[in-house]
Protein backbone atom coordinates (compact mmCIF):
# COMPACT_ATOMS: atom_id res chain seq x y z
CA MET A 1 -112.14 72.94 -62.41
CA ASP A 2 -115.32 72.71 -60.28
CA LEU A 3 -116.65 76.28 -60.06
CA ASP A 4 -118.30 75.63 -56.70
CA ARG A 5 -114.99 74.49 -55.28
CA TRP A 6 -113.27 77.73 -56.37
CA LYS A 7 -116.12 79.78 -54.94
CA GLU A 8 -115.64 77.97 -51.66
CA ILE A 9 -111.88 78.69 -51.72
CA TYR A 10 -112.58 82.38 -52.31
CA ALA A 11 -115.14 82.49 -49.52
CA THR A 12 -112.73 80.79 -47.12
CA LEU A 13 -109.81 83.12 -47.89
CA ALA A 14 -112.04 86.21 -47.94
CA SER A 15 -113.71 85.39 -44.62
CA ASN A 16 -110.78 87.00 -42.82
CA LYS A 17 -109.16 89.32 -45.35
CA TRP A 18 -106.45 90.82 -43.14
CA ARG A 19 -105.33 87.42 -41.93
CA THR A 20 -105.11 86.20 -45.53
CA ILE A 21 -103.29 89.33 -46.73
CA LEU A 22 -100.72 89.27 -43.93
CA THR A 23 -100.10 85.56 -44.42
CA ALA A 24 -99.68 85.99 -48.17
CA PHE A 25 -97.36 88.95 -47.59
CA GLY A 26 -94.80 86.68 -45.94
CA VAL A 27 -94.59 84.50 -49.06
CA SER A 28 -94.69 87.49 -51.42
CA TRP A 29 -91.86 89.16 -49.54
CA GLY A 30 -89.79 85.98 -49.67
CA ILE A 31 -90.04 85.55 -53.44
CA PHE A 32 -89.65 89.32 -53.91
CA MET A 33 -86.38 89.38 -51.94
CA LEU A 34 -85.11 86.29 -53.76
CA ILE A 35 -85.75 87.87 -57.17
CA ILE A 36 -84.19 91.19 -56.08
CA MET A 37 -81.06 89.56 -54.63
CA LEU A 38 -80.55 87.29 -57.64
CA GLY A 39 -81.13 90.17 -60.06
CA ALA A 40 -78.83 92.54 -58.17
CA GLY A 41 -76.15 89.86 -58.05
CA ASN A 42 -76.46 89.36 -61.80
CA GLY A 43 -76.29 93.13 -62.33
CA LEU A 44 -73.05 93.32 -60.37
CA GLN A 45 -71.71 90.28 -62.21
CA ASN A 46 -72.58 91.73 -65.62
CA GLY A 47 -70.98 95.06 -64.75
CA THR A 48 -67.86 93.52 -63.28
CA MET A 49 -67.39 91.04 -66.10
CA SER A 50 -67.71 93.87 -68.61
CA MET A 51 -64.31 94.96 -67.29
CA PHE A 52 -62.92 91.93 -69.08
CA SER A 53 -64.87 92.42 -72.29
CA GLY A 54 -62.72 93.25 -75.28
CA ARG A 55 -59.90 91.12 -73.89
CA VAL A 56 -59.08 87.46 -74.40
CA ALA A 57 -59.91 85.64 -71.17
CA ASN A 58 -56.54 83.86 -70.96
CA SER A 59 -54.40 86.95 -71.65
CA ILE A 60 -51.50 87.99 -69.42
CA PHE A 61 -49.89 91.42 -69.13
CA MET A 62 -46.34 91.73 -67.75
CA TRP A 63 -44.10 94.76 -67.24
CA SER A 64 -40.74 95.50 -65.62
CA MET A 65 -40.36 97.38 -62.34
CA ARG A 66 -37.64 97.72 -59.68
CA THR A 67 -36.04 94.86 -57.78
CA SER A 68 -36.83 94.49 -54.09
CA ILE A 69 -34.20 91.87 -53.15
CA PRO A 70 -30.38 92.14 -53.68
CA TYR A 71 -29.11 89.42 -56.00
CA ALA A 72 -25.99 88.38 -57.95
CA GLY A 73 -24.04 91.46 -56.83
CA TYR A 74 -26.85 93.90 -57.70
CA ARG A 75 -28.45 96.12 -55.06
CA GLU A 76 -32.16 96.28 -54.50
CA GLY A 77 -34.07 99.05 -56.24
CA ARG A 78 -32.43 98.35 -59.60
CA ARG A 79 -34.65 99.24 -62.55
CA VAL A 80 -35.33 96.29 -64.85
CA GLN A 81 -35.71 97.04 -68.55
CA MET A 82 -37.23 94.50 -70.91
CA THR A 83 -36.02 94.40 -74.52
CA ASN A 84 -36.78 92.73 -77.84
CA ASP A 85 -34.58 89.82 -76.75
CA ASP A 86 -37.09 89.03 -73.99
CA VAL A 87 -39.82 88.61 -76.60
CA GLN A 88 -37.67 86.11 -78.50
CA LEU A 89 -36.68 84.36 -75.26
CA LEU A 90 -40.29 83.69 -74.27
CA SER A 91 -41.38 82.80 -77.79
CA GLU A 92 -38.69 80.12 -78.06
CA ASN A 93 -38.84 78.68 -74.54
CA VAL A 94 -42.47 78.83 -73.39
CA GLU A 95 -44.36 76.43 -75.65
CA GLU A 96 -47.64 77.13 -73.87
CA ILE A 97 -47.73 80.71 -75.21
CA ASP A 98 -50.15 81.17 -78.09
CA LEU A 99 -49.19 84.72 -79.03
CA ILE A 100 -46.92 87.39 -77.61
CA SER A 101 -46.79 91.09 -78.40
CA PRO A 102 -44.49 93.73 -76.91
CA GLY A 103 -45.95 97.14 -76.21
CA LEU A 104 -44.75 100.72 -75.73
CA GLN A 105 -46.54 103.93 -74.87
CA LEU A 106 -45.32 107.44 -75.47
CA GLY A 107 -45.01 109.24 -72.14
CA GLY A 108 -45.44 106.05 -70.10
CA TRP A 109 -48.58 104.43 -68.77
CA ARG A 110 -51.66 106.56 -69.39
CA GLY A 111 -49.43 109.25 -70.89
CA ALA A 112 -51.26 111.72 -73.14
CA ASN A 113 -49.53 113.46 -76.02
CA ASN A 114 -50.55 116.33 -78.23
CA VAL A 115 -51.55 115.18 -81.69
CA SER A 116 -52.53 117.64 -84.40
CA ARG A 117 -54.06 117.74 -87.83
CA GLY A 118 -54.26 121.17 -89.40
CA ASP A 119 -55.81 123.49 -86.84
CA LYS A 120 -57.25 120.60 -84.80
CA ILE A 121 -55.34 119.33 -81.78
CA GLY A 122 -55.98 116.86 -78.94
CA ALA A 123 -54.24 114.78 -76.27
CA PHE A 124 -54.19 111.06 -77.02
CA GLU A 125 -52.41 107.85 -76.00
CA ILE A 126 -49.77 106.76 -78.50
CA ASN A 127 -49.14 103.00 -78.42
CA GLY A 128 -46.72 100.78 -80.29
CA TYR A 129 -47.83 97.18 -80.91
CA LEU A 130 -47.34 94.21 -83.20
CA PRO A 131 -50.18 93.10 -85.52
CA ASN A 132 -51.20 90.20 -83.26
CA ALA A 133 -52.16 92.63 -80.48
CA GLN A 134 -55.53 93.00 -82.21
CA GLU A 135 -56.31 89.39 -81.29
CA VAL A 136 -55.96 90.26 -77.60
CA LYS A 137 -57.64 93.66 -77.63
CA LEU A 138 -60.37 92.49 -80.02
CA LEU A 139 -60.72 95.95 -81.54
CA ASP A 140 -63.78 96.46 -83.71
CA MET A 141 -62.36 97.90 -86.94
CA GLN A 142 -64.87 100.38 -88.37
CA ALA A 143 -62.94 100.98 -91.59
CA GLY A 144 -59.52 100.30 -93.06
CA ARG A 145 -57.14 97.84 -91.43
CA PHE A 146 -54.98 97.26 -88.39
CA ILE A 147 -51.17 97.18 -88.34
CA ASN A 148 -49.70 94.42 -90.54
CA ASP A 149 -46.35 92.65 -90.90
CA ARG A 150 -45.14 94.88 -93.74
CA ASP A 151 -45.66 97.90 -91.50
CA ILE A 152 -43.34 96.27 -88.96
CA ASP A 153 -40.69 95.11 -91.45
CA GLU A 154 -40.54 98.39 -93.38
CA PHE A 155 -40.87 100.72 -90.35
CA ARG A 156 -43.86 102.38 -91.97
CA LYS A 157 -45.18 105.58 -90.45
CA VAL A 158 -48.79 104.50 -90.38
CA CYS A 159 -51.34 104.50 -87.59
CA VAL A 160 -54.72 103.18 -86.54
CA ILE A 161 -56.88 105.59 -84.56
CA GLY A 162 -59.75 105.24 -82.13
CA ASP A 163 -63.27 106.48 -82.85
CA ILE A 164 -63.02 109.49 -80.51
CA THR A 165 -59.65 110.40 -82.01
CA ARG A 166 -61.27 110.36 -85.44
CA GLU A 167 -64.11 112.62 -84.31
CA MET A 168 -61.74 115.15 -82.74
CA LEU A 169 -59.19 115.38 -85.56
CA PHE A 170 -61.41 114.98 -88.62
CA GLU A 171 -64.48 116.80 -89.86
CA PRO A 172 -67.90 115.13 -89.46
CA GLY A 173 -68.42 112.73 -92.34
CA GLU A 174 -64.81 113.03 -93.47
CA ASP A 175 -63.06 109.76 -94.32
CA PRO A 176 -59.89 109.58 -92.19
CA ILE A 177 -58.36 106.74 -94.24
CA GLY A 178 -55.36 108.15 -96.10
CA GLY A 179 -55.21 111.31 -93.99
CA TYR A 180 -52.19 112.32 -91.93
CA ILE A 181 -51.82 113.23 -88.27
CA LYS A 182 -48.80 114.86 -86.64
CA VAL A 183 -47.12 113.44 -83.52
CA GLN A 184 -44.03 115.21 -82.15
CA GLY A 185 -43.22 116.73 -85.51
CA MET A 186 -43.66 113.45 -87.44
CA PHE A 187 -46.50 112.63 -89.78
CA PHE A 188 -48.32 109.28 -89.67
CA LYS A 189 -50.76 108.06 -92.29
CA VAL A 190 -54.12 106.80 -91.04
CA VAL A 191 -54.82 103.30 -92.40
CA GLY A 192 -57.82 102.41 -90.23
CA TYR A 193 -59.96 103.37 -87.29
CA PHE A 194 -61.64 101.25 -84.63
CA LYS A 195 -64.20 101.28 -81.85
CA SER A 196 -63.49 99.71 -78.48
CA THR A 197 -65.40 96.58 -77.49
CA MET A 198 -65.04 97.40 -73.79
CA GLN A 199 -67.49 99.31 -71.60
CA GLY A 200 -67.59 102.63 -69.71
CA ASP A 201 -64.47 104.69 -69.06
CA ARG A 202 -62.20 101.94 -70.37
CA ALA A 203 -63.89 102.09 -73.75
CA GLU A 204 -63.51 105.88 -73.85
CA ASN A 205 -59.81 105.67 -72.98
CA GLU A 206 -59.18 103.15 -75.73
CA ASP A 207 -61.20 105.12 -78.28
CA ARG A 208 -58.90 108.09 -77.56
CA SER A 209 -55.78 106.09 -78.41
CA ILE A 210 -53.58 105.73 -81.48
CA TYR A 211 -51.71 102.57 -82.51
CA ILE A 212 -48.56 102.59 -84.63
CA PRO A 213 -46.23 99.73 -85.63
CA PHE A 214 -43.97 98.66 -82.76
CA SER A 215 -40.76 98.87 -84.82
CA THR A 216 -41.71 102.35 -86.05
CA PHE A 217 -42.38 103.44 -82.49
CA GLN A 218 -38.94 102.30 -81.32
CA ARG A 219 -37.15 104.05 -84.19
CA SER A 220 -39.24 107.25 -84.34
CA PHE A 221 -39.18 107.99 -80.60
CA ASN A 222 -35.61 106.84 -79.86
CA GLN A 223 -36.58 103.80 -77.81
CA GLY A 224 -33.81 101.55 -79.16
CA ASN A 225 -34.83 97.97 -78.43
CA LYS A 226 -36.78 98.81 -75.27
CA VAL A 227 -40.06 97.06 -74.44
CA GLY A 228 -42.56 98.68 -72.09
CA TRP A 229 -44.69 95.60 -71.42
CA LEU A 230 -45.60 92.22 -72.85
CA VAL A 231 -49.02 90.87 -73.76
CA LEU A 232 -49.26 87.07 -73.77
CA THR A 233 -52.05 84.60 -74.30
CA ALA A 234 -51.99 80.95 -73.27
CA LYS A 235 -52.90 78.22 -75.70
CA ASP A 236 -56.31 76.56 -75.36
CA GLY A 237 -56.32 74.13 -72.47
CA GLU A 238 -53.24 75.65 -70.83
CA ASP A 239 -53.31 77.20 -67.36
CA ALA A 240 -52.70 80.94 -67.78
CA GLY A 241 -51.32 81.12 -64.23
CA ALA A 242 -48.70 78.46 -64.95
CA VAL A 243 -47.73 80.23 -68.18
CA GLU A 244 -47.31 83.50 -66.29
CA GLU A 245 -45.08 81.91 -63.64
CA LYS A 246 -42.91 80.15 -66.23
CA ALA A 247 -42.48 83.38 -68.23
CA LYS A 248 -41.58 85.37 -65.12
CA MET A 249 -38.97 82.84 -64.01
CA LEU A 250 -37.27 83.03 -67.43
CA LEU A 251 -37.26 86.82 -67.31
CA LYS A 252 -35.89 86.83 -63.76
CA LYS A 253 -33.09 84.49 -64.76
CA ARG A 254 -32.13 86.60 -67.77
CA HIS A 255 -32.14 89.89 -65.87
CA ASN A 256 -30.41 88.52 -62.73
CA ILE A 257 -33.45 88.93 -60.49
CA HIS A 258 -33.88 86.94 -57.29
CA PRO A 259 -36.33 84.04 -57.93
CA ARG A 260 -38.45 85.11 -54.94
CA ASP A 261 -38.53 88.80 -55.91
CA ALA A 262 -42.25 89.43 -56.45
CA ARG A 263 -41.94 93.11 -57.36
CA ALA A 264 -39.36 93.19 -60.16
CA ILE A 265 -41.77 91.83 -62.80
CA GLY A 266 -45.31 93.10 -62.52
CA GLY A 267 -48.21 91.20 -63.98
CA PHE A 268 -51.93 91.07 -64.50
CA ASN A 269 -53.57 87.77 -65.34
CA LEU A 270 -57.10 88.13 -66.68
CA GLY A 271 -57.76 84.41 -66.29
CA LYS A 272 -57.00 84.52 -62.56
CA GLN A 273 -59.11 87.63 -62.07
CA MET A 274 -62.06 86.10 -63.88
CA GLN A 275 -61.81 82.94 -61.77
CA ARG A 276 -61.83 85.02 -58.58
CA PHE A 277 -64.85 87.03 -59.63
CA THR A 278 -66.64 83.90 -60.83
CA GLY A 279 -66.12 82.32 -57.42
CA LEU A 280 -67.27 85.50 -55.70
CA PHE A 281 -70.51 85.72 -57.65
CA THR A 282 -71.17 82.02 -57.16
CA GLY A 283 -71.00 82.72 -53.44
CA VAL A 284 -73.37 85.67 -53.85
CA LYS A 285 -75.89 83.44 -55.63
CA ILE A 286 -75.64 80.78 -52.93
CA LEU A 287 -76.16 83.43 -50.25
CA SER A 288 -79.14 84.86 -52.15
CA TRP A 289 -80.78 81.43 -52.40
CA PHE A 290 -80.03 80.74 -48.73
CA VAL A 291 -81.49 84.01 -47.42
CA GLY A 292 -84.39 83.99 -49.89
CA GLY A 293 -85.08 80.33 -49.22
CA LEU A 294 -85.27 80.86 -45.46
CA THR A 295 -87.62 83.81 -45.97
CA LEU A 296 -89.82 81.70 -48.24
CA LEU A 297 -89.76 78.85 -45.72
CA ALA A 298 -90.96 81.21 -43.02
CA GLY A 299 -93.80 82.32 -45.29
CA VAL A 300 -94.77 78.74 -46.13
CA ILE A 301 -94.77 77.83 -42.43
CA GLY A 302 -97.05 80.81 -41.85
CA ILE A 303 -99.46 79.51 -44.47
CA SER A 304 -99.41 76.05 -42.88
CA ASN A 305 -100.24 77.55 -39.48
CA ILE A 306 -103.08 79.61 -40.93
CA MET A 307 -104.49 76.52 -42.64
CA LEU A 308 -104.45 74.75 -39.28
CA VAL A 309 -106.46 77.63 -37.84
CA ILE A 310 -108.89 77.46 -40.78
CA VAL A 311 -109.29 73.71 -40.31
CA LYS A 312 -110.08 74.23 -36.63
CA GLU A 313 -112.65 76.91 -37.47
CA ARG A 314 -114.30 74.61 -40.01
CA THR A 315 -114.37 71.48 -37.85
CA ASN A 316 -118.16 71.43 -37.77
CA GLU A 317 -118.38 71.95 -41.54
CA ILE A 318 -115.92 69.10 -42.15
CA GLY A 319 -117.99 66.85 -39.90
CA ILE A 320 -121.15 67.58 -41.88
CA ARG A 321 -119.36 66.79 -45.14
CA ARG A 322 -118.05 63.52 -43.78
CA ALA A 323 -121.52 62.61 -42.50
CA LEU A 324 -122.98 63.29 -45.94
CA GLY A 325 -120.52 60.90 -47.55
CA ALA A 326 -117.47 63.01 -48.41
CA THR A 327 -114.38 60.81 -48.53
CA PRO A 328 -111.14 61.74 -46.72
CA TRP A 329 -109.49 62.34 -50.12
CA VAL A 330 -112.12 65.00 -51.00
CA VAL A 331 -111.41 66.82 -47.75
CA ILE A 332 -107.64 66.58 -48.28
CA GLN A 333 -107.97 67.92 -51.83
CA GLN A 334 -109.94 70.92 -50.65
CA ILE A 335 -107.49 71.89 -47.90
CA ILE A 336 -104.39 71.42 -50.11
CA LEU A 337 -105.99 73.34 -52.99
CA GLU A 338 -106.72 76.27 -50.67
CA SER A 339 -103.09 76.22 -49.47
CA VAL A 340 -101.67 76.03 -53.00
CA THR A 341 -103.98 78.81 -54.23
CA LEU A 342 -102.89 81.16 -51.46
CA THR A 343 -99.22 80.28 -52.00
CA ALA A 344 -99.42 80.67 -55.78
CA ILE A 345 -101.18 84.04 -55.65
CA ALA A 346 -98.68 85.36 -53.10
CA GLY A 347 -95.71 83.95 -55.01
CA ILE A 348 -96.77 85.37 -58.39
CA THR A 349 -97.43 88.76 -56.80
CA GLY A 350 -93.97 88.82 -55.22
CA PHE A 351 -92.37 87.62 -58.44
CA MET A 352 -94.01 90.35 -60.52
CA GLY A 353 -93.06 92.97 -57.94
CA GLY A 354 -89.43 91.81 -57.98
CA VAL A 355 -89.21 91.86 -61.79
CA LEU A 356 -90.80 95.32 -61.93
CA MET A 357 -88.33 96.60 -59.33
CA LEU A 358 -85.37 95.21 -61.29
CA GLU A 359 -86.64 96.85 -64.47
CA GLN A 360 -86.86 100.20 -62.69
CA ALA A 361 -83.44 99.76 -61.07
CA GLY A 362 -81.85 98.88 -64.41
CA GLY A 363 -83.13 102.13 -65.91
CA LEU A 364 -82.27 104.36 -62.94
CA ILE A 365 -78.83 103.05 -61.97
CA ASP A 366 -76.30 104.08 -64.59
CA HIS A 367 -72.96 102.66 -63.47
CA GLU A 368 -70.36 100.59 -65.26
CA PHE A 369 -70.18 98.13 -62.33
CA PHE A 370 -73.96 97.51 -62.32
CA THR A 371 -75.36 96.52 -65.69
CA ASN A 372 -78.59 94.86 -66.78
CA PRO A 373 -79.89 93.40 -63.50
CA GLU A 374 -81.95 90.39 -64.51
CA VAL A 375 -83.05 86.97 -63.40
CA ASP A 376 -82.91 83.99 -65.72
CA MET A 377 -86.50 83.04 -66.53
CA SER A 378 -85.83 79.35 -65.98
CA VAL A 379 -84.52 80.15 -62.49
CA ALA A 380 -87.59 82.28 -61.73
CA VAL A 381 -89.99 79.59 -62.97
CA SER A 382 -88.11 76.99 -60.95
CA ALA A 383 -88.43 79.15 -57.83
CA LEU A 384 -92.18 79.52 -58.39
CA THR A 385 -92.53 75.79 -59.00
CA VAL A 386 -90.69 75.00 -55.77
CA LEU A 387 -92.87 77.55 -53.99
CA ILE A 388 -96.11 75.97 -55.25
CA ILE A 389 -94.86 72.51 -54.29
CA SER A 390 -94.10 73.95 -50.86
CA GLY A 391 -97.71 75.12 -50.77
CA VAL A 392 -98.77 71.51 -51.23
CA PHE A 393 -96.66 70.45 -48.28
CA ALA A 394 -97.96 73.41 -46.28
CA GLY A 395 -101.48 72.02 -46.70
CA ILE A 396 -100.65 68.39 -45.97
CA ILE A 397 -100.45 68.74 -42.17
CA PRO A 398 -103.73 70.68 -41.87
CA ALA A 399 -105.39 68.26 -44.31
CA ALA A 400 -104.16 65.25 -42.37
CA ARG A 401 -105.52 66.78 -39.18
CA ALA A 402 -108.86 67.45 -40.86
CA VAL A 403 -109.39 63.83 -41.91
CA LYS A 404 -108.48 62.57 -38.43
CA ILE A 405 -111.53 64.33 -37.01
CA LYS A 406 -114.35 61.85 -36.50
CA PRO A 407 -117.62 62.98 -38.06
CA ILE A 408 -119.58 62.51 -34.81
CA ASP A 409 -117.04 64.59 -32.84
CA ALA A 410 -116.99 67.25 -35.55
CA LEU A 411 -120.78 67.56 -35.51
CA ARG A 412 -120.72 68.19 -31.76
CA THR A 413 -118.21 71.04 -32.17
CA GLU A 414 -119.58 74.55 -32.13
């Protein structure tokens, strides 16, 4: 903390301002780019992973399609229809399944249907589910309840509505619980309303939906024992991919589908998708550290070169110090401290610039696939620590060269 030493460092770095600024810029740019790339990668990761929010990570969705391979006397292109028996089949034969819920939607996937209440009308998704579907969708119930077992057993004409549905069909401040809505000439009593836990357009779509008991759906809309799709979750510790394959093979066997027919039973495995994205973003982070690290290395090398130039310019001064009794360690300390100071100032400047840029980007970019770009503070501090340590190494070579100069030779240098 010797004040004279810090004054000397300032005088040395200020003696050639443009050289110092340009050298520091290389380090600042390196840490700036590292922070920006890590933050942007995290923003993309946060946005992409929000696609899976509101869903259990090990959930599996399966639906029937058309066959693509002739089998057991059936031609290709045959439409496969799942039924209630398929639900029982999987429940009894796939021990790795934690929960299973069949689903139906009026008008097919993404189908919208007119729903009315008095003089208010809107187009909404009408879904039929079992009570355990709430455990997969993780709906945030705002009031009332979700579908229960008595609703299923007694074919009750009740429903649970989304928050947007409530706003469009009910007056502001009006309690929807106990009210009735009309769907295709049939009245359903509202027993609860929810808000989606997802993000962006997916949240809006779900908040515009209506859920009714699965058994009521089948009876009210003449679906017989048809099942539109299945929602499964694997037990803790079980591989969701293996559960999906086992379930598909059982369904193929029951519906006389060729074992290698990949199109007859469609599926979406959230666990697999999350693993893929996790691997992708791990690669992005590695690439960010690689590119940023090389840029920082170039900046540190630049500082080392500049310190060599400074040592050469101060050869006579170093000789005088040595002649007056300065030890080699004192000279080494001074050179390394100058290198670390320049590196630290440049690194902190680049770090602050990167954080400020991320803050601005987070406020300006409004997209569901880019959310909350940020850098973990421990990572940022680690990067700065590594950078400052690099500054030490950047000063070692110039310092070693300085102490090798003999005092008598240094005094003769002009």
